[in-house]
Amino acid sequence: MRINDKMKVRTVAGENIVIMQDASGSDMTRVVALNESALLLYNALAGREFEVDDIVRLLTEEYEVNETDARKDAEAWVSEMKKNALVC
């Protein structure tokens, strides 16, 4: 899978948000907030193909989390990203 390159992360009022970019600029009707770990994954994986195993590796390297919990979190992150059309 790959992060949708039409999406851009911006910091607004201290929140990291993703907004959809289109030909006319931005669609502010769809805004997704990213917490610290979601932003870490988004930035680390942007511009390249990745799998759930890549996310698990990033989580276990960055945080004190075991592989089982990291996989559960990775699958939840991918599910939310897909639901919001942030990955394809």
N, C-alpha and C. Protein backbone atom coordinates (compact mmCIF):
# COMPACT_ATOMS: atom_id res chain seq x y z
N MET A 1 0.84 -1.17 0.00
CA MET A 1 0.00 0.00 0.00
C MET A 1 0.88 1.23 0.00
N ARG A 2 0.25 2.37 -0.17
CA ARG A 2 0.99 3.63 -0.29
C ARG A 2 0.12 4.77 0.24
N ILE A 3 0.74 5.74 0.90
CA ILE A 3 0.01 6.91 1.37
C ILE A 3 -0.41 7.74 0.17
N ASN A 4 -1.65 8.15 0.16
CA ASN A 4 -2.21 8.95 -0.92
C ASN A 4 -1.43 10.26 -1.02
N ASP A 5 -0.76 10.48 -2.15
CA ASP A 5 0.08 11.68 -2.30
C ASP A 5 -0.72 12.96 -2.53
N LYS A 6 -2.04 12.85 -2.61
CA LYS A 6 -2.88 14.04 -2.71
C LYS A 6 -3.16 14.64 -1.33
N MET A 7 -2.73 13.95 -0.30
CA MET A 7 -2.95 14.41 1.07
C MET A 7 -1.69 15.10 1.58
N LYS A 8 -1.87 16.16 2.34
CA LYS A 8 -0.76 16.90 2.91
C LYS A 8 -1.01 17.11 4.40
N VAL A 9 0.04 16.97 5.19
CA VAL A 9 -0.07 17.22 6.63
C VAL A 9 0.26 18.68 6.89
N ARG A 10 -0.54 19.30 7.70
CA ARG A 10 -0.33 20.69 8.12
C ARG A 10 -0.52 20.75 9.63
N THR A 11 0.17 21.68 10.27
CA THR A 11 -0.03 21.92 11.70
C THR A 11 -0.87 23.18 11.84
N VAL A 12 -2.03 23.02 12.48
CA VAL A 12 -2.97 24.11 12.68
C VAL A 12 -3.33 24.14 14.16
N ALA A 13 -3.07 25.26 14.79
CA ALA A 13 -3.38 25.44 16.22
C ALA A 13 -2.80 24.30 17.06
N GLY A 14 -1.60 23.87 16.71
CA GLY A 14 -0.92 22.83 17.47
C GLY A 14 -1.35 21.42 17.16
N GLU A 15 -2.28 21.24 16.24
CA GLU A 15 -2.75 19.91 15.83
C GLU A 15 -2.20 19.56 14.46
N ASN A 16 -1.76 18.32 14.30
CA ASN A 16 -1.32 17.83 12.99
C ASN A 16 -2.53 17.28 12.27
N ILE A 17 -2.87 17.89 11.15
CA ILE A 17 -4.06 17.47 10.41
C ILE A 17 -3.69 17.16 8.97
N VAL A 18 -4.46 16.29 8.37
CA VAL A 18 -4.31 15.93 6.96
C VAL A 18 -5.50 16.52 6.23
N ILE A 19 -5.20 17.24 5.15
CA ILE A 19 -6.27 17.80 4.33
C ILE A 19 -6.10 17.30 2.90
N MET A 20 -7.21 17.13 2.21
CA MET A 20 -7.16 16.65 0.83
C MET A 20 -6.84 17.81 -0.10
N GLN A 21 -5.85 17.61 -0.95
CA GLN A 21 -5.50 18.59 -1.97
C GLN A 21 -6.19 18.19 -3.27
N ASP A 22 -6.81 19.15 -3.94
CA ASP A 22 -7.38 18.88 -5.25
C ASP A 22 -6.97 20.00 -6.20
N ALA A 23 -7.47 19.95 -7.39
CA ALA A 23 -7.07 20.93 -8.42
C ALA A 23 -7.37 22.36 -8.00
N SER A 24 -8.42 22.56 -7.22
CA SER A 24 -8.79 23.91 -6.84
C SER A 24 -8.16 24.35 -5.52
N GLY A 25 -7.39 23.49 -4.90
CA GLY A 25 -6.75 23.85 -3.64
C GLY A 25 -6.95 22.79 -2.60
N SER A 26 -7.86 23.02 -1.68
CA SER A 26 -8.07 22.09 -0.58
C SER A 26 -9.55 21.88 -0.31
N ASP A 27 -9.87 20.67 0.10
CA ASP A 27 -11.22 20.35 0.52
C ASP A 27 -11.22 20.33 2.04
N MET A 28 -11.61 21.43 2.67
CA MET A 28 -11.57 21.52 4.12
C MET A 28 -12.73 20.80 4.79
N THR A 29 -13.57 20.14 4.01
CA THR A 29 -14.65 19.39 4.62
C THR A 29 -14.15 18.06 5.16
N ARG A 30 -12.98 17.62 4.72
CA ARG A 30 -12.40 16.37 5.19
C ARG A 30 -11.07 16.66 5.85
N VAL A 31 -11.05 16.62 7.16
CA VAL A 31 -9.85 16.88 7.92
C VAL A 31 -9.65 15.72 8.88
N VAL A 32 -8.44 15.18 8.95
CA VAL A 32 -8.13 14.08 9.84
C VAL A 32 -6.97 14.51 10.73
N ALA A 33 -7.15 14.41 12.04
CA ALA A 33 -6.09 14.75 12.99
C ALA A 33 -5.21 13.54 13.22
N LEU A 34 -3.90 13.77 13.30
CA LEU A 34 -2.93 12.71 13.56
C LEU A 34 -2.27 12.94 14.91
N ASN A 35 -2.27 11.92 15.76
CA ASN A 35 -1.54 12.03 17.00
C ASN A 35 -0.04 11.80 16.71
N GLU A 36 0.78 11.83 17.74
CA GLU A 36 2.23 11.75 17.57
C GLU A 36 2.66 10.47 16.84
N SER A 37 2.13 9.33 17.24
CA SER A 37 2.56 8.08 16.61
C SER A 37 2.02 7.96 15.18
N ALA A 38 0.79 8.42 14.94
CA ALA A 38 0.24 8.39 13.58
C ALA A 38 1.05 9.30 12.66
N LEU A 39 1.48 10.44 13.17
CA LEU A 39 2.31 11.35 12.37
C LEU A 39 3.67 10.74 12.09
N LEU A 40 4.26 10.07 13.07
CA LEU A 40 5.53 9.38 12.87
C LEU A 40 5.42 8.38 11.72
N LEU A 41 4.36 7.56 11.75
CA LEU A 41 4.16 6.56 10.69
C LEU A 41 3.92 7.23 9.35
N TYR A 42 3.07 8.24 9.33
CA TYR A 42 2.76 8.95 8.09
C TYR A 42 4.03 9.50 7.45
N ASN A 43 4.85 10.17 8.24
CA ASN A 43 6.08 10.76 7.71
C ASN A 43 7.09 9.71 7.28
N ALA A 44 7.21 8.63 8.05
CA ALA A 44 8.19 7.58 7.72
C ALA A 44 7.80 6.80 6.48
N LEU A 45 6.51 6.70 6.20
CA LEU A 45 6.04 5.86 5.10
C LEU A 45 5.64 6.63 3.84
N ALA A 46 5.57 7.94 3.94
CA ALA A 46 5.17 8.75 2.78
C ALA A 46 6.15 8.56 1.63
N GLY A 47 5.60 8.45 0.43
CA GLY A 47 6.41 8.37 -0.77
C GLY A 47 6.97 7.00 -1.10
N ARG A 48 6.51 5.97 -0.40
CA ARG A 48 7.02 4.62 -0.70
C ARG A 48 5.95 3.57 -0.43
N GLU A 49 6.14 2.42 -1.02
CA GLU A 49 5.27 1.28 -0.77
C GLU A 49 5.60 0.70 0.60
N PHE A 50 4.58 0.21 1.31
CA PHE A 50 4.81 -0.39 2.61
C PHE A 50 3.77 -1.44 2.90
N GLU A 51 4.08 -2.28 3.88
CA GLU A 51 3.18 -3.33 4.35
C GLU A 51 3.01 -3.18 5.85
N VAL A 52 2.08 -3.92 6.43
CA VAL A 52 1.85 -3.88 7.87
C VAL A 52 3.14 -4.21 8.62
N ASP A 53 3.94 -5.14 8.12
CA ASP A 53 5.20 -5.49 8.79
C ASP A 53 6.13 -4.29 8.91
N ASP A 54 6.12 -3.40 7.93
CA ASP A 54 6.94 -2.18 8.01
C ASP A 54 6.47 -1.29 9.16
N ILE A 55 5.17 -1.21 9.34
CA ILE A 55 4.61 -0.40 10.42
C ILE A 55 4.95 -1.01 11.77
N VAL A 56 4.84 -2.32 11.87
CA VAL A 56 5.18 -3.02 13.11
C VAL A 56 6.63 -2.73 13.47
N ARG A 57 7.53 -2.81 12.50
CA ARG A 57 8.95 -2.55 12.74
C ARG A 57 9.15 -1.13 13.25
N LEU A 58 8.52 -0.16 12.60
CA LEU A 58 8.65 1.23 13.03
C LEU A 58 8.16 1.43 14.45
N LEU A 59 7.04 0.83 14.79
CA LEU A 59 6.48 0.99 16.13
C LEU A 59 7.37 0.35 17.20
N THR A 60 7.88 -0.84 16.92
CA THR A 60 8.73 -1.51 17.92
C THR A 60 10.08 -0.83 18.06
N GLU A 61 10.56 -0.19 17.01
CA GLU A 61 11.83 0.54 17.09
C GLU A 61 11.67 1.85 17.85
N GLU A 62 10.54 2.51 17.70
CA GLU A 62 10.34 3.84 18.27
C GLU A 62 9.77 3.81 19.70
N TYR A 63 8.93 2.82 19.97
CA TYR A 63 8.24 2.76 21.25
C TYR A 63 8.55 1.44 21.96
N GLU A 64 8.39 1.42 23.26
CA GLU A 64 8.57 0.19 24.03
C GLU A 64 7.28 -0.62 23.97
N VAL A 65 7.12 -1.31 22.87
CA VAL A 65 5.90 -2.09 22.63
C VAL A 65 6.31 -3.43 22.04
N ASN A 66 5.61 -4.51 22.46
CA ASN A 66 5.94 -5.82 21.90
C ASN A 66 5.33 -5.96 20.51
N GLU A 67 5.78 -6.96 19.80
CA GLU A 67 5.35 -7.13 18.40
C GLU A 67 3.85 -7.39 18.28
N THR A 68 3.27 -8.14 19.21
CA THR A 68 1.84 -8.44 19.16
C THR A 68 1.01 -7.16 19.26
N ASP A 69 1.35 -6.32 20.24
CA ASP A 69 0.61 -5.06 20.40
C ASP A 69 0.88 -4.11 19.24
N ALA A 70 2.13 -4.10 18.75
CA ALA A 70 2.47 -3.24 17.61
C ALA A 70 1.68 -3.66 16.37
N ARG A 71 1.51 -4.95 16.16
CA ARG A 71 0.75 -5.43 15.00
C ARG A 71 -0.73 -5.03 15.12
N LYS A 72 -1.28 -5.15 16.31
CA LYS A 72 -2.67 -4.73 16.54
C LYS A 72 -2.82 -3.24 16.24
N ASP A 73 -1.89 -2.44 16.73
CA ASP A 73 -1.94 -0.99 16.48
C ASP A 73 -1.72 -0.68 15.01
N ALA A 74 -0.81 -1.41 14.36
CA ALA A 74 -0.54 -1.18 12.94
C ALA A 74 -1.77 -1.48 12.09
N GLU A 75 -2.44 -2.58 12.40
CA GLU A 75 -3.64 -2.94 11.64
C GLU A 75 -4.75 -1.92 11.87
N ALA A 76 -4.87 -1.41 13.09
CA ALA A 76 -5.88 -0.39 13.37
C ALA A 76 -5.54 0.90 12.62
N TRP A 77 -4.26 1.27 12.56
CA TRP A 77 -3.83 2.48 11.86
C TRP A 77 -4.14 2.36 10.36
N VAL A 78 -3.82 1.21 9.79
CA VAL A 78 -4.10 0.99 8.37
C VAL A 78 -5.60 1.05 8.12
N SER A 79 -6.39 0.45 8.98
CA SER A 79 -7.85 0.47 8.82
C SER A 79 -8.38 1.91 8.81
N GLU A 80 -7.93 2.72 9.75
CA GLU A 80 -8.37 4.12 9.80
C GLU A 80 -7.88 4.91 8.60
N MET A 81 -6.65 4.65 8.19
CA MET A 81 -6.10 5.35 7.02
C MET A 81 -6.90 5.00 5.77
N LYS A 82 -7.25 3.73 5.61
CA LYS A 82 -8.05 3.31 4.46
C LYS A 82 -9.44 3.92 4.52
N LYS A 83 -10.05 3.91 5.70
CA LYS A 83 -11.40 4.46 5.88
C LYS A 83 -11.44 5.93 5.47
N ASN A 84 -10.35 6.64 5.67
CA ASN A 84 -10.30 8.06 5.33
C ASN A 84 -9.58 8.33 4.00
N ALA A 85 -9.38 7.27 3.20
CA ALA A 85 -8.76 7.37 1.87
C ALA A 85 -7.35 8.00 1.93
N LEU A 86 -6.64 7.73 3.03
CA LEU A 86 -5.28 8.25 3.16
C LEU A 86 -4.24 7.28 2.63
N VAL A 87 -4.63 6.02 2.44
CA VAL A 87 -3.75 5.04 1.81
C VAL A 87 -4.49 4.37 0.67
N CYS A 88 -3.75 3.94 -0.30
CA CYS A 88 -4.35 3.23 -1.43
C CYS A 88 -3.48 2.04 -1.79
